[in-house]
Amino acid sequence: MSVKIAFFDAKPYDREIFNEVNSDFGYDIKYFKFNLTTDNAVLSECADVVCVFVNDMISSEVIDKLHECNVKLIALRCSGFNNVDLKAAENKIRVARVPAYSPNAIAEHTVALILSLNRKIHRAYWRTRDSNFSLGGLMGFDMHKKNAGVIGTGKIGKVLIKILSGFGMHVLSYDPYPDDEFAREAGCNYVGLDEIFEQSDIISLNCPLTKETEYMIDERSIEKMKDGVMIINTGRGKLIRTADLIGGLKSGRIGSAGLDVYEEEAEYFFEDLSNRVLNDDILARLLTFNNVIITSHQGFFTREAMHNIATTTMTNIKHFIEENGKKDFNEICYKYHQDKS
């Protein structure tokens, strides 16, 4: 009996990559276009595993319904797990994630946002399309010898530090678990958060969302920053209190912002809403600033990263089955599905 996977929030590119990788695993995958919710969790009744992404909110209610459906594994095809109630899942359903898929992809996207904001590439692009070749308002700054503050020195942060060091920037880093050996090799310095805020010309957020990091960029932290600071967030949306970010942009304390994530992104990101009016006033306001670039959580979106995500997700499922004994696992699944039929 083939292992059955209910795959939620499936986009065409998900199907393409996962079907390609699944040729080596032979799982039975049923794709659903919509997000997993308490209302549709019953669709996993014939599945042994559910596969979900960042905008699937796995609450305690969802977990209870999955447990009732005899789902044994929640396979996250992402690194973050702040959308899962892990306490509710304990002793009910196992949870697996993709801890690393391509730190280069996200670090490179971070640098793309920095360069675009600094040299006003997005504004120049629209100007020249209208045959406007003036340079007024497009002046940037040399990144060489400027201070970059990198918050979070996991795999992504470390790749980013190496890239920014290649530009000749002075890199300040913060992490509750500093890697001093890496710092010596990369030539960066671990400092406190206040020092990051006070000294950095560019601040990049590359840390997970936890109780400690939620809204770490707010009115109080923004007040400590240099005038004209650039803020980049490719981590999680709720690292920044967006209303306070807008206040900083209006006052000029924040000179520019590049956001690949947004604190209320679940309803909008990954979807085509071009024929609708945005009903999120804060997001709509952000989109009016010419010194803000918003991308729709695409930092991870390279072919290499997608292939790694699919391979790791499928391998996580394989290891889970092997750990529980393939024969026993399939017999349990078979009995459950027979009882339900």
C-alpha atoms as a PDB file:
ATOM      1  CA  MET A   1       0.000   0.000   0.000  1.00  0.00           C
ATOM      2  CA  SER A   2       1.403   3.395  -1.032  1.00  0.00           C
ATOM      3  CA  VAL A   3       1.685   6.129   1.557  1.00  0.00           C
ATOM      4  CA  LYS A   4      -0.998   8.770   0.928  1.00  0.00           C
ATOM      5  CA  ILE A   5      -0.153  12.464   1.203  1.00  0.00           C
ATOM      6  CA  ALA A   6      -2.669  15.330   1.340  1.00  0.00           C
ATOM      7  CA  PHE A   7      -0.780  18.285  -0.104  1.00  0.00           C
ATOM      8  CA  PHE A   8      -2.324  21.675   0.763  1.00  0.00           C
ATOM      9  CA  ASP A   9      -1.759  25.124  -0.784  1.00  0.00           C
ATOM     10  CA  ALA A  10      -0.414  23.495  -3.945  1.00  0.00           C
ATOM     11  CA  LYS A  11       0.725  25.809  -6.713  1.00  0.00           C
ATOM     12  CA  PRO A  12       1.652  24.695 -10.250  1.00  0.00           C
ATOM     13  CA  TYR A  13       5.356  24.938  -9.443  1.00  0.00           C
ATOM     14  CA  ASP A  14       4.837  22.755  -6.339  1.00  0.00           C
ATOM     15  CA  ARG A  15       3.206  20.046  -8.451  1.00  0.00           C
ATOM     16  CA  GLU A  16       5.960  20.195 -11.043  1.00  0.00           C
ATOM     17  CA  ILE A  17       8.862  19.881  -8.602  1.00  0.00           C
ATOM     18  CA  PHE A  18       7.246  17.438  -6.164  1.00  0.00           C
ATOM     19  CA  ASN A  19       6.049  15.143  -8.950  1.00  0.00           C
ATOM     20  CA  GLU A  20       9.558  15.134 -10.354  1.00  0.00           C
ATOM     21  CA  VAL A  21      11.118  14.260  -6.983  1.00  0.00           C
ATOM     22  CA  ASN A  22       8.340  11.793  -6.126  1.00  0.00           C
ATOM     23  CA  SER A  23       9.404   9.573  -9.030  1.00  0.00           C
ATOM     24  CA  ASP A  24      12.095   8.297  -6.630  1.00  0.00           C
ATOM     25  CA  PHE A  25       9.661   7.724  -3.737  1.00  0.00           C
ATOM     26  CA  GLY A  26       6.382   6.571  -5.244  1.00  0.00           C
ATOM     27  CA  TYR A  27       4.033   8.241  -2.785  1.00  0.00           C
ATOM     28  CA  ASP A  28       0.361   8.789  -3.579  1.00  0.00           C
ATOM     29  CA  ILE A  29      -0.039  12.584  -3.516  1.00  0.00           C
ATOM     30  CA  LYS A  30      -3.379  14.375  -3.693  1.00  0.00           C
ATOM     31  CA  TYR A  31      -2.984  18.097  -4.303  1.00  0.00           C
ATOM     32  CA  PHE A  32      -5.342  20.759  -2.949  1.00  0.00           C
ATOM     33  CA  LYS A  33      -5.117  24.369  -4.133  1.00  0.00           C
ATOM     34  CA  PHE A  34      -6.384  25.858  -0.879  1.00  0.00           C
ATOM     35  CA  ASN A  35      -4.846  26.232   2.572  1.00  0.00           C
ATOM     36  CA  LEU A  36      -5.472  23.711   5.334  1.00  0.00           C
ATOM     37  CA  THR A  37      -8.110  24.939   7.799  1.00  0.00           C
ATOM     38  CA  THR A  38     -10.384  23.484  10.460  1.00  0.00           C
ATOM     39  CA  ASP A  39     -13.200  23.459   7.893  1.00  0.00           C
ATOM     40  CA  ASN A  40     -11.387  21.374   5.274  1.00  0.00           C
ATOM     41  CA  ALA A  41      -9.119  19.241   7.487  1.00  0.00           C
ATOM     42  CA  VAL A  42     -11.572  16.391   6.911  1.00  0.00           C
ATOM     43  CA  LEU A  43     -10.130  16.107   3.391  1.00  0.00           C
ATOM     44  CA  SER A  44      -7.086  14.491   4.981  1.00  0.00           C
ATOM     45  CA  GLU A  45      -9.222  11.577   6.161  1.00  0.00           C
ATOM     46  CA  CYS A  46      -7.751   9.262   3.517  1.00  0.00           C
ATOM     47  CA  ALA A  47      -4.200  10.521   4.033  1.00  0.00           C
ATOM     48  CA  ASP A  48      -1.378   9.268   6.212  1.00  0.00           C
ATOM     49  CA  VAL A  49       0.610  12.518   5.908  1.00  0.00           C
ATOM     50  CA  VAL A  50      -0.360  16.148   5.356  1.00  0.00           C
ATOM     51  CA  CYS A  51       2.118  18.432   3.630  1.00  0.00           C
ATOM     52  CA  VAL A  52       1.724  22.144   4.378  1.00  0.00           C
ATOM     53  CA  PHE A  53       3.430  25.488   3.787  1.00  0.00           C
ATOM     54  CA  VAL A  54       3.934  28.748   5.689  1.00  0.00           C
ATOM     55  CA  ASN A  55       0.386  30.087   5.328  1.00  0.00           C
ATOM     56  CA  ASP A  56      -1.308  26.933   6.568  1.00  0.00           C
ATOM     57  CA  MET A  57      -2.255  27.720  10.168  1.00  0.00           C
ATOM     58  CA  ILE A  58      -1.946  24.442  12.091  1.00  0.00           C
ATOM     59  CA  SER A  59      -3.885  25.338  15.234  1.00  0.00           C
ATOM     60  CA  SER A  60      -4.831  22.993  18.034  1.00  0.00           C
ATOM     61  CA  GLU A  61      -8.276  22.609  16.418  1.00  0.00           C
ATOM     62  CA  VAL A  62      -6.705  21.606  13.101  1.00  0.00           C
ATOM     63  CA  ILE A  63      -4.402  19.155  14.879  1.00  0.00           C
ATOM     64  CA  ASP A  64      -7.341  17.571  16.689  1.00  0.00           C
ATOM     65  CA  LYS A  65      -9.168  17.063  13.391  1.00  0.00           C
ATOM     66  CA  LEU A  66      -6.057  15.617  11.730  1.00  0.00           C
ATOM     67  CA  HIS A  67      -5.613  13.298  14.686  1.00  0.00           C
ATOM     68  CA  GLU A  68      -9.219  12.154  14.352  1.00  0.00           C
ATOM     69  CA  CYS A  69      -8.469  11.404  10.695  1.00  0.00           C
ATOM     70  CA  ASN A  70      -5.515   9.254  11.796  1.00  0.00           C
ATOM     71  CA  VAL A  71      -2.945  11.494  10.127  1.00  0.00           C
ATOM     72  CA  LYS A  72       0.428  10.525  11.552  1.00  0.00           C
ATOM     73  CA  LEU A  73       2.781  13.185  10.237  1.00  0.00           C
ATOM     74  CA  ILE A  74       2.616  16.893   9.435  1.00  0.00           C
ATOM     75  CA  ALA A  75       5.356  17.480   6.859  1.00  0.00           C
ATOM     76  CA  LEU A  76       6.227  21.174   6.644  1.00  0.00           C
ATOM     77  CA  ARG A  77       7.839  22.115   3.356  1.00  0.00           C
ATOM     78  CA  CYS A  78       9.468  25.157   4.951  1.00  0.00           C
ATOM     79  CA  SER A  79      11.978  25.906   7.678  1.00  0.00           C
ATOM     80  CA  GLY A  80       9.806  27.989   9.984  1.00  0.00           C
ATOM     81  CA  PHE A  81       7.276  26.325  12.267  1.00  0.00           C
ATOM     82  CA  ASN A  82       5.687  29.315  14.005  1.00  0.00           C
ATOM     83  CA  ASN A  83       2.423  28.443  12.217  1.00  0.00           C
ATOM     84  CA  VAL A  84       2.155  25.118  14.082  1.00  0.00           C
ATOM     85  CA  ASP A  85       0.868  24.622  17.620  1.00  0.00           C
ATOM     86  CA  LEU A  86       3.638  22.235  18.632  1.00  0.00           C
ATOM     87  CA  LYS A  87       2.298  21.774  22.134  1.00  0.00           C
ATOM     88  CA  ALA A  88      -1.036  20.590  20.757  1.00  0.00           C
ATOM     89  CA  ALA A  89       0.742  18.213  18.379  1.00  0.00           C
ATOM     90  CA  GLU A  90       2.750  16.577  21.151  1.00  0.00           C
ATOM     91  CA  ASN A  91       1.825  12.901  21.630  1.00  0.00           C
ATOM     92  CA  LYS A  92      -0.707  13.165  18.781  1.00  0.00           C
ATOM     93  CA  ILE A  93       1.025  13.876  15.474  1.00  0.00           C
ATOM     94  CA  ARG A  94       4.700  14.110  14.582  1.00  0.00           C
ATOM     95  CA  VAL A  95       5.926  17.258  12.864  1.00  0.00           C
ATOM     96  CA  ALA A  96       8.836  17.476  10.430  1.00  0.00           C
ATOM     97  CA  ARG A  97      10.278  20.517   8.684  1.00  0.00           C
ATOM     98  CA  VAL A  98      12.937  21.519   6.167  1.00  0.00           C
ATOM     99  CA  PRO A  99      15.632  23.150   8.320  1.00  0.00           C
ATOM    100  CA  ALA A 100      17.791  24.202   5.362  1.00  0.00           C
ATOM    101  CA  TYR A 101      17.146  24.152   1.636  1.00  0.00           C
ATOM    102  CA  SER A 102      19.215  26.932   0.083  1.00  0.00           C
ATOM    103  CA  PRO A 103      20.577  29.649   2.342  1.00  0.00           C
ATOM    104  CA  ASN A 104      22.149  31.136  -0.783  1.00  0.00           C
ATOM    105  CA  ALA A 105      18.727  31.771  -2.325  1.00  0.00           C
ATOM    106  CA  ILE A 106      17.463  33.912   0.562  1.00  0.00           C
ATOM    107  CA  ALA A 107      20.777  35.654   1.188  1.00  0.00           C
ATOM    108  CA  GLU A 108      21.028  36.571  -2.499  1.00  0.00           C
ATOM    109  CA  HIS A 109      17.436  37.866  -2.493  1.00  0.00           C
ATOM    110  CA  THR A 110      18.333  39.996   0.527  1.00  0.00           C
ATOM    111  CA  VAL A 111      21.214  41.526  -1.396  1.00  0.00           C
ATOM    112  CA  ALA A 112      18.965  42.068  -4.429  1.00  0.00           C
ATOM    113  CA  LEU A 113      16.606  44.108  -2.240  1.00  0.00           C
ATOM    114  CA  ILE A 114      19.517  46.100  -0.785  1.00  0.00           C
ATOM    115  CA  LEU A 115      20.964  46.954  -4.198  1.00  0.00           C
ATOM    116  CA  SER A 116      17.568  47.767  -5.707  1.00  0.00           C
ATOM    117  CA  LEU A 117      16.649  50.128  -2.881  1.00  0.00           C
ATOM    118  CA  ASN A 118      20.049  51.757  -2.707  1.00  0.00           C
ATOM    119  CA  ARG A 119      20.398  52.420  -6.443  1.00  0.00           C
ATOM    120  CA  LYS A 120      16.643  52.973  -6.981  1.00  0.00           C
ATOM    121  CA  ILE A 121      16.524  50.276  -9.678  1.00  0.00           C
ATOM    122  CA  HIS A 122      12.757  49.861  -9.331  1.00  0.00           C
ATOM    123  CA  ARG A 123      12.166  53.584  -9.912  1.00  0.00           C
ATOM    124  CA  ALA A 124      14.649  53.777 -12.777  1.00  0.00           C
ATOM    125  CA  TYR A 125      12.954  50.824 -14.473  1.00  0.00           C
ATOM    126  CA  TRP A 126       9.550  52.518 -14.546  1.00  0.00           C
ATOM    127  CA  ARG A 127      11.056  55.857 -15.612  1.00  0.00           C
ATOM    128  CA  THR A 128      12.919  54.515 -18.615  1.00  0.00           C
ATOM    129  CA  ARG A 129       9.824  52.617 -19.776  1.00  0.00           C
ATOM    130  CA  ASP A 130       8.237  56.067 -20.138  1.00  0.00           C
ATOM    131  CA  SER A 131      11.357  57.385 -21.926  1.00  0.00           C
ATOM    132  CA  ASN A 132      12.302  59.393 -18.830  1.00  0.00           C
ATOM    133  CA  PHE A 133      16.084  59.189 -18.513  1.00  0.00           C
ATOM    134  CA  SER A 134      16.580  61.832 -15.832  1.00  0.00           C
ATOM    135  CA  LEU A 135      18.639  61.007 -12.744  1.00  0.00           C
ATOM    136  CA  GLY A 136      16.909  63.221 -10.190  1.00  0.00           C
ATOM    137  CA  GLY A 137      16.004  61.302  -7.055  1.00  0.00           C
ATOM    138  CA  LEU A 138      17.991  58.211  -8.014  1.00  0.00           C
ATOM    139  CA  MET A 139      21.203  58.901  -6.075  1.00  0.00           C
ATOM    140  CA  GLY A 140      22.426  56.029  -3.921  1.00  0.00           C
ATOM    141  CA  PHE A 141      25.485  55.481  -1.727  1.00  0.00           C
ATOM    142  CA  ASP A 142      28.631  53.385  -1.824  1.00  0.00           C
ATOM    143  CA  MET A 143      28.112  50.300   0.289  1.00  0.00           C
ATOM    144  CA  HIS A 144      31.887  50.020   0.714  1.00  0.00           C
ATOM    145  CA  LYS A 145      32.887  50.807   4.325  1.00  0.00           C
ATOM    146  CA  LYS A 146      29.288  51.252   5.452  1.00  0.00           C
ATOM    147  CA  ASN A 147      27.964  49.336   8.472  1.00  0.00           C
ATOM    148  CA  ALA A 148      25.659  46.372   7.931  1.00  0.00           C
ATOM    149  CA  GLY A 149      23.816  44.846  10.873  1.00  0.00           C
ATOM    150  CA  VAL A 150      22.826  41.204  10.430  1.00  0.00           C
ATOM    151  CA  ILE A 151      20.382  39.918  13.038  1.00  0.00           C
ATOM    152  CA  GLY A 152      20.516  36.125  13.072  1.00  0.00           C
ATOM    153  CA  THR A 153      23.621  34.213  12.049  1.00  0.00           C
ATOM    154  CA  GLY A 154      22.212  30.853  11.073  1.00  0.00           C
ATOM    155  CA  LYS A 155      22.931  29.400   7.645  1.00  0.00           C
ATOM    156  CA  ILE A 156      21.266  32.302   5.808  1.00  0.00           C
ATOM    157  CA  GLY A 157      22.834  34.996   7.953  1.00  0.00           C
ATOM    158  CA  LYS A 158      26.299  33.521   7.482  1.00  0.00           C
ATOM    159  CA  VAL A 159      25.989  33.459   3.697  1.00  0.00           C
ATOM    160  CA  LEU A 160      24.725  37.056   3.775  1.00  0.00           C
ATOM    161  CA  ILE A 161      27.645  38.167   5.956  1.00  0.00           C
ATOM    162  CA  LYS A 162      30.115  36.713   3.467  1.00  0.00           C
ATOM    163  CA  ILE A 163      28.422  38.510   0.576  1.00  0.00           C
ATOM    164  CA  LEU A 164      28.265  41.857   2.366  1.00  0.00           C
ATOM    165  CA  SER A 165      31.890  41.499   3.459  1.00  0.00           C
ATOM    166  CA  GLY A 166      32.690  41.049  -0.235  1.00  0.00           C
ATOM    167  CA  PHE A 167      31.278  44.527  -0.833  1.00  0.00           C
ATOM    168  CA  GLY A 168      33.754  45.830   1.704  1.00  0.00           C
ATOM    169  CA  MET A 169      31.114  46.527   4.338  1.00  0.00           C
ATOM    170  CA  HIS A 170      31.778  46.444   8.078  1.00  0.00           C
ATOM    171  CA  VAL A 171      29.455  43.724   9.363  1.00  0.00           C
ATOM    172  CA  LEU A 172      27.987  43.769  12.861  1.00  0.00           C
ATOM    173  CA  SER A 173      26.049  40.675  13.841  1.00  0.00           C
ATOM    174  CA  TYR A 174      23.716  39.603  16.595  1.00  0.00           C
ATOM    175  CA  ASP A 175      22.631  36.133  17.646  1.00  0.00           C
ATOM    176  CA  PRO A 176      21.721  34.732  21.065  1.00  0.00           C
ATOM    177  CA  TYR A 177      24.011  31.814  20.196  1.00  0.00           C
ATOM    178  CA  PRO A 178      27.086  33.454  18.644  1.00  0.00           C
ATOM    179  CA  ASP A 179      29.489  31.467  16.486  1.00  0.00           C
ATOM    180  CA  ASP A 180      32.799  33.045  17.456  1.00  0.00           C
ATOM    181  CA  GLU A 181      34.845  30.830  15.145  1.00  0.00           C
ATOM    182  CA  PHE A 182      32.768  31.928  12.155  1.00  0.00           C
ATOM    183  CA  ALA A 183      33.065  35.571  13.244  1.00  0.00           C
ATOM    184  CA  ARG A 184      36.857  35.302  13.258  1.00  0.00           C
ATOM    185  CA  GLU A 185      36.899  33.676   9.840  1.00  0.00           C
ATOM    186  CA  ALA A 186      34.380  36.095   8.299  1.00  0.00           C
ATOM    187  CA  GLY A 187      35.781  39.206   9.952  1.00  0.00           C
ATOM    188  CA  CYS A 188      32.486  40.278  11.533  1.00  0.00           C
ATOM    189  CA  ASN A 189      31.824  41.304  15.121  1.00  0.00           C
ATOM    190  CA  TYR A 190      29.091  40.083  17.455  1.00  0.00           C
ATOM    191  CA  VAL A 191      27.487  42.987  19.285  1.00  0.00           C
ATOM    192  CA  GLY A 192      24.290  43.714  21.210  1.00  0.00           C
ATOM    193  CA  LEU A 193      21.017  44.605  19.520  1.00  0.00           C
ATOM    194  CA  ASP A 194      21.229  48.236  20.603  1.00  0.00           C
ATOM    195  CA  GLU A 195      24.615  48.555  18.937  1.00  0.00           C
ATOM    196  CA  ILE A 196      23.155  47.067  15.748  1.00  0.00           C
ATOM    197  CA  PHE A 197      20.342  49.627  15.829  1.00  0.00           C
ATOM    198  CA  GLU A 198      22.588  52.590  16.650  1.00  0.00           C
ATOM    199  CA  GLN A 199      25.452  51.949  14.217  1.00  0.00           C
ATOM    200  CA  SER A 200      24.051  50.183  11.163  1.00  0.00           C
ATOM    201  CA  ASP A 201      23.375  51.848   7.830  1.00  0.00           C
ATOM    202  CA  ILE A 202      21.606  48.678   6.676  1.00  0.00           C
ATOM    203  CA  ILE A 203      19.844  46.216   8.987  1.00  0.00           C
ATOM    204  CA  SER A 204      18.857  42.757   7.772  1.00  0.00           C
ATOM    205  CA  LEU A 205      16.547  40.443   9.712  1.00  0.00           C
ATOM    206  CA  ASN A 206      17.473  36.791   9.211  1.00  0.00           C
ATOM    207  CA  CYS A 207      16.150  35.244  12.402  1.00  0.00           C
ATOM    208  CA  PRO A 208      13.173  32.998  13.202  1.00  0.00           C
ATOM    209  CA  LEU A 209       9.942  34.274  14.719  1.00  0.00           C
ATOM    210  CA  THR A 210       9.800  33.477  18.440  1.00  0.00           C
ATOM    211  CA  LYS A 211       8.307  35.121  21.510  1.00  0.00           C
ATOM    212  CA  GLU A 212      11.654  36.877  21.955  1.00  0.00           C
ATOM    213  CA  THR A 213      11.900  38.180  18.381  1.00  0.00           C
ATOM    214  CA  GLU A 214       8.253  39.098  17.732  1.00  0.00           C
ATOM    215  CA  TYR A 215       8.063  42.815  16.883  1.00  0.00           C
ATOM    216  CA  MET A 216      11.745  43.321  17.609  1.00  0.00           C
ATOM    217  CA  ILE A 217      11.524  46.222  15.174  1.00  0.00           C
ATOM    218  CA  ASP A 218       9.057  48.622  16.743  1.00  0.00           C
ATOM    219  CA  GLU A 219       8.815  52.295  17.646  1.00  0.00           C
ATOM    220  CA  ARG A 220      11.351  51.989  20.478  1.00  0.00           C
ATOM    221  CA  SER A 221      13.987  50.188  18.419  1.00  0.00           C
ATOM    222  CA  ILE A 222      13.441  52.501  15.433  1.00  0.00           C
ATOM    223  CA  GLU A 223      14.109  55.530  17.674  1.00  0.00           C
ATOM    224  CA  LYS A 224      17.602  54.129  18.327  1.00  0.00           C
ATOM    225  CA  MET A 225      18.487  53.837  14.645  1.00  0.00           C
ATOM    226  CA  LYS A 226      20.470  56.139  12.389  1.00  0.00           C
ATOM    227  CA  ASP A 227      18.515  58.575  10.265  1.00  0.00           C
ATOM    228  CA  GLY A 228      17.981  57.077   6.819  1.00  0.00           C
ATOM    229  CA  VAL A 229      18.641  53.478   7.846  1.00  0.00           C
ATOM    230  CA  MET A 230      17.640  50.735   5.407  1.00  0.00           C
ATOM    231  CA  ILE A 231      15.716  47.792   6.854  1.00  0.00           C
ATOM    232  CA  ILE A 232      15.453  44.451   5.081  1.00  0.00           C
ATOM    233  CA  ASN A 233      13.225  41.620   6.289  1.00  0.00           C
ATOM    234  CA  THR A 234      13.435  38.216   4.626  1.00  0.00           C
ATOM    235  CA  GLY A 235      12.707  36.365   7.880  1.00  0.00           C
ATOM    236  CA  ARG A 236       9.144  36.489   9.178  1.00  0.00           C
ATOM    237  CA  GLY A 237       6.581  39.274   8.930  1.00  0.00           C
ATOM    238  CA  LYS A 238       5.957  39.692  12.645  1.00  0.00           C
ATOM    239  CA  LEU A 239       9.582  40.563  13.302  1.00  0.00           C
ATOM    240  CA  ILE A 240       8.425  44.090  12.402  1.00  0.00           C
ATOM    241  CA  ARG A 241       5.449  46.012  13.767  1.00  0.00           C
ATOM    242  CA  THR A 242       4.336  47.373  10.429  1.00  0.00           C
ATOM    243  CA  ALA A 243       2.458  50.395  11.774  1.00  0.00           C
ATOM    244  CA  ASP A 244       5.673  51.529  13.506  1.00  0.00           C
ATOM    245  CA  LEU A 245       7.660  50.910  10.315  1.00  0.00           C
ATOM    246  CA  ILE A 246       5.298  53.236   8.452  1.00  0.00           C
ATOM    247  CA  GLY A 247       5.815  55.841  11.178  1.00  0.00           C
ATOM    248  CA  GLY A 248       9.580  55.543  10.721  1.00  0.00           C
ATOM    249  CA  LEU A 249       9.258  55.907   6.943  1.00  0.00           C
ATOM    250  CA  LYS A 250       7.083  59.012   7.329  1.00  0.00           C
ATOM    251  CA  SER A 251       9.519  60.643   9.755  1.00  0.00           C
ATOM    252  CA  GLY A 252      12.546  59.823   7.593  1.00  0.00           C
ATOM    253  CA  ARG A 253      14.244  57.835  10.350  1.00  0.00           C
ATOM    254  CA  ILE A 254      13.881  54.844   8.036  1.00  0.00           C
ATOM    255  CA  GLY A 255      15.240  55.742   4.620  1.00  0.00           C
ATOM    256  CA  SER A 256      14.017  52.630   2.842  1.00  0.00           C
ATOM    257  CA  ALA A 257      12.633  49.161   3.476  1.00  0.00           C
ATOM    258  CA  GLY A 258      12.754  45.884   1.594  1.00  0.00           C
ATOM    259  CA  LEU A 259      10.187  43.346   2.733  1.00  0.00           C
ATOM    260  CA  ASP A 260       9.859  39.795   1.456  1.00  0.00           C
ATOM    261  CA  VAL A 261       7.437  39.040   4.289  1.00  0.00           C
ATOM    262  CA  TYR A 262       4.542  40.842   5.930  1.00  0.00           C
ATOM    263  CA  GLU A 263       2.921  40.238   9.302  1.00  0.00           C
ATOM    264  CA  GLU A 264      -0.553  39.668   7.797  1.00  0.00           C
ATOM    265  CA  GLU A 265       0.597  38.044   4.573  1.00  0.00           C
ATOM    266  CA  ALA A 266      -1.386  34.801   4.765  1.00  0.00           C
ATOM    267  CA  GLU A 267      -4.417  36.214   2.943  1.00  0.00           C
ATOM    268  CA  TYR A 268      -2.416  37.841   0.167  1.00  0.00           C
ATOM    269  CA  PHE A 269       0.999  36.366  -0.582  1.00  0.00           C
ATOM    270  CA  PHE A 270       1.312  33.635  -3.226  1.00  0.00           C
ATOM    271  CA  GLU A 271      -2.034  34.703  -4.749  1.00  0.00           C
ATOM    272  CA  ASP A 272      -2.985  36.837  -7.775  1.00  0.00           C
ATOM    273  CA  LEU A 273      -5.189  39.618  -6.415  1.00  0.00           C
ATOM    274  CA  SER A 274      -4.696  42.014  -9.317  1.00  0.00           C
ATOM    275  CA  ASN A 275      -8.435  42.123 -10.035  1.00  0.00           C
ATOM    276  CA  ARG A 276      -9.338  42.985  -6.442  1.00  0.00           C
ATOM    277  CA  VAL A 277      -9.061  45.995  -4.172  1.00  0.00           C
ATOM    278  CA  LEU A 278      -6.732  45.393  -1.221  1.00  0.00           C
ATOM    279  CA  ASN A 279      -8.722  45.565   2.002  1.00  0.00           C
ATOM    280  CA  ASP A 280      -5.612  45.687   4.184  1.00  0.00           C
ATOM    281  CA  ASP A 281      -5.084  49.400   4.786  1.00  0.00           C
ATOM    282  CA  ILE A 282      -1.575  48.964   6.216  1.00  0.00           C
ATOM    283  CA  LEU A 283      -0.335  46.884   3.289  1.00  0.00           C
ATOM    284  CA  ALA A 284      -1.970  49.310   0.849  1.00  0.00           C
ATOM    285  CA  ARG A 285      -0.225  52.197   2.606  1.00  0.00           C
ATOM    286  CA  LEU A 286       3.156  50.455   2.388  1.00  0.00           C
ATOM    287  CA  LEU A 287       2.710  50.041  -1.346  1.00  0.00           C
ATOM    288  CA  THR A 288       2.417  53.830  -1.766  1.00  0.00           C
ATOM    289  CA  PHE A 289       5.996  54.497  -0.600  1.00  0.00           C
ATOM    290  CA  ASN A 290       8.514  54.792  -3.439  1.00  0.00           C
ATOM    291  CA  ASN A 291      11.298  53.840  -1.030  1.00  0.00           C
ATOM    292  CA  VAL A 292       9.704  50.501  -0.141  1.00  0.00           C
ATOM    293  CA  ILE A 293       9.986  47.286  -2.133  1.00  0.00           C
ATOM    294  CA  ILE A 294       7.676  44.413  -1.233  1.00  0.00           C
ATOM    295  CA  THR A 295       8.153  40.973  -2.728  1.00  0.00           C
ATOM    296  CA  SER A 296       5.726  38.144  -2.057  1.00  0.00           C
ATOM    297  CA  HIS A 297       7.800  35.823   0.116  1.00  0.00           C
ATOM    298  CA  GLN A 298       9.891  34.758  -2.868  1.00  0.00           C
ATOM    299  CA  GLY A 299      13.313  34.742  -1.239  1.00  0.00           C
ATOM    300  CA  PHE A 300      13.355  30.935  -1.252  1.00  0.00           C
ATOM    301  CA  PHE A 301      12.089  30.700  -4.816  1.00  0.00           C
ATOM    302  CA  THR A 302      14.899  29.268  -6.910  1.00  0.00           C
ATOM    303  CA  ARG A 303      14.829  25.978  -8.787  1.00  0.00           C
ATOM    304  CA  GLU A 304      17.638  24.644  -6.616  1.00  0.00           C
ATOM    305  CA  ALA A 305      15.865  25.576  -3.400  1.00  0.00           C
ATOM    306  CA  MET A 306      12.528  24.138  -4.539  1.00  0.00           C
ATOM    307  CA  HIS A 307      14.203  20.866  -5.490  1.00  0.00           C
ATOM    308  CA  ASN A 308      15.932  20.712  -2.098  1.00  0.00           C
ATOM    309  CA  ILE A 309      12.647  21.443  -0.304  1.00  0.00           C
ATOM    310  CA  ALA A 310      10.861  18.651  -2.156  1.00  0.00           C
ATOM    311  CA  THR A 311      13.691  16.172  -1.630  1.00  0.00           C
ATOM    312  CA  THR A 312      13.996  16.919   2.088  1.00  0.00           C
ATOM    313  CA  THR A 313      10.227  16.791   2.611  1.00  0.00           C
ATOM    314  CA  MET A 314       9.954  13.409   0.886  1.00  0.00           C
ATOM    315  CA  THR A 315      12.978  12.112   2.767  1.00  0.00           C
ATOM    316  CA  ASN A 316      11.456  13.245   6.076  1.00  0.00           C
ATOM    317  CA  ILE A 317       8.391  11.149   5.257  1.00  0.00           C
ATOM    318  CA  LYS A 318      10.591   8.194   4.293  1.00  0.00           C
ATOM    319  CA  HIS A 319      12.539   8.408   7.565  1.00  0.00           C
ATOM    320  CA  PHE A 320       9.326   8.648   9.562  1.00  0.00           C
ATOM    321  CA  ILE A 321       8.000   5.490   7.915  1.00  0.00           C
ATOM    322  CA  GLU A 322      11.283   3.651   8.477  1.00  0.00           C
ATOM    323  CA  GLU A 323      11.405   4.774  12.099  1.00  0.00           C
ATOM    324  CA  ASN A 324       7.920   3.404  12.724  1.00  0.00           C
ATOM    325  CA  GLY A 325       8.446   0.275  10.641  1.00  0.00           C
ATOM    326  CA  LYS A 326       7.148   0.354   7.101  1.00  0.00           C
ATOM    327  CA  LYS A 327       5.141  -2.865   7.470  1.00  0.00           C
ATOM    328  CA  ASP A 328       3.456  -1.784  10.710  1.00  0.00           C
ATOM    329  CA  PHE A 329       2.859   1.723   9.372  1.00  0.00           C
ATOM    330  CA  ASN A 330       1.135   0.466   6.236  1.00  0.00           C
ATOM    331  CA  GLU A 331      -0.916  -2.109   8.161  1.00  0.00           C
ATOM    332  CA  ILE A 332      -2.203   0.565  10.537  1.00  0.00           C
ATOM    333  CA  CYS A 333      -3.055   2.861   7.618  1.00  0.00           C
ATOM    334  CA  TYR A 334      -4.714   0.044   5.693  1.00  0.00           C
ATOM    335  CA  LYS A 335      -6.862  -1.005   8.656  1.00  0.00           C
ATOM    336  CA  TYR A 336      -7.976   2.566   9.281  1.00  0.00           C
ATOM    337  CA  HIS A 337      -8.917   3.195   5.659  1.00  0.00           C
ATOM    338  CA  GLN A 338     -10.761  -0.156   5.472  1.00  0.00           C
ATOM    339  CA  ASP A 339     -12.750   0.707   8.600  1.00  0.00           C
ATOM    340  CA  LYS A 340     -13.705   4.026   7.055  1.00  0.00           C
ATOM    341  CA  SER A 341     -14.726   2.589   3.679  1.00  0.00           C
END
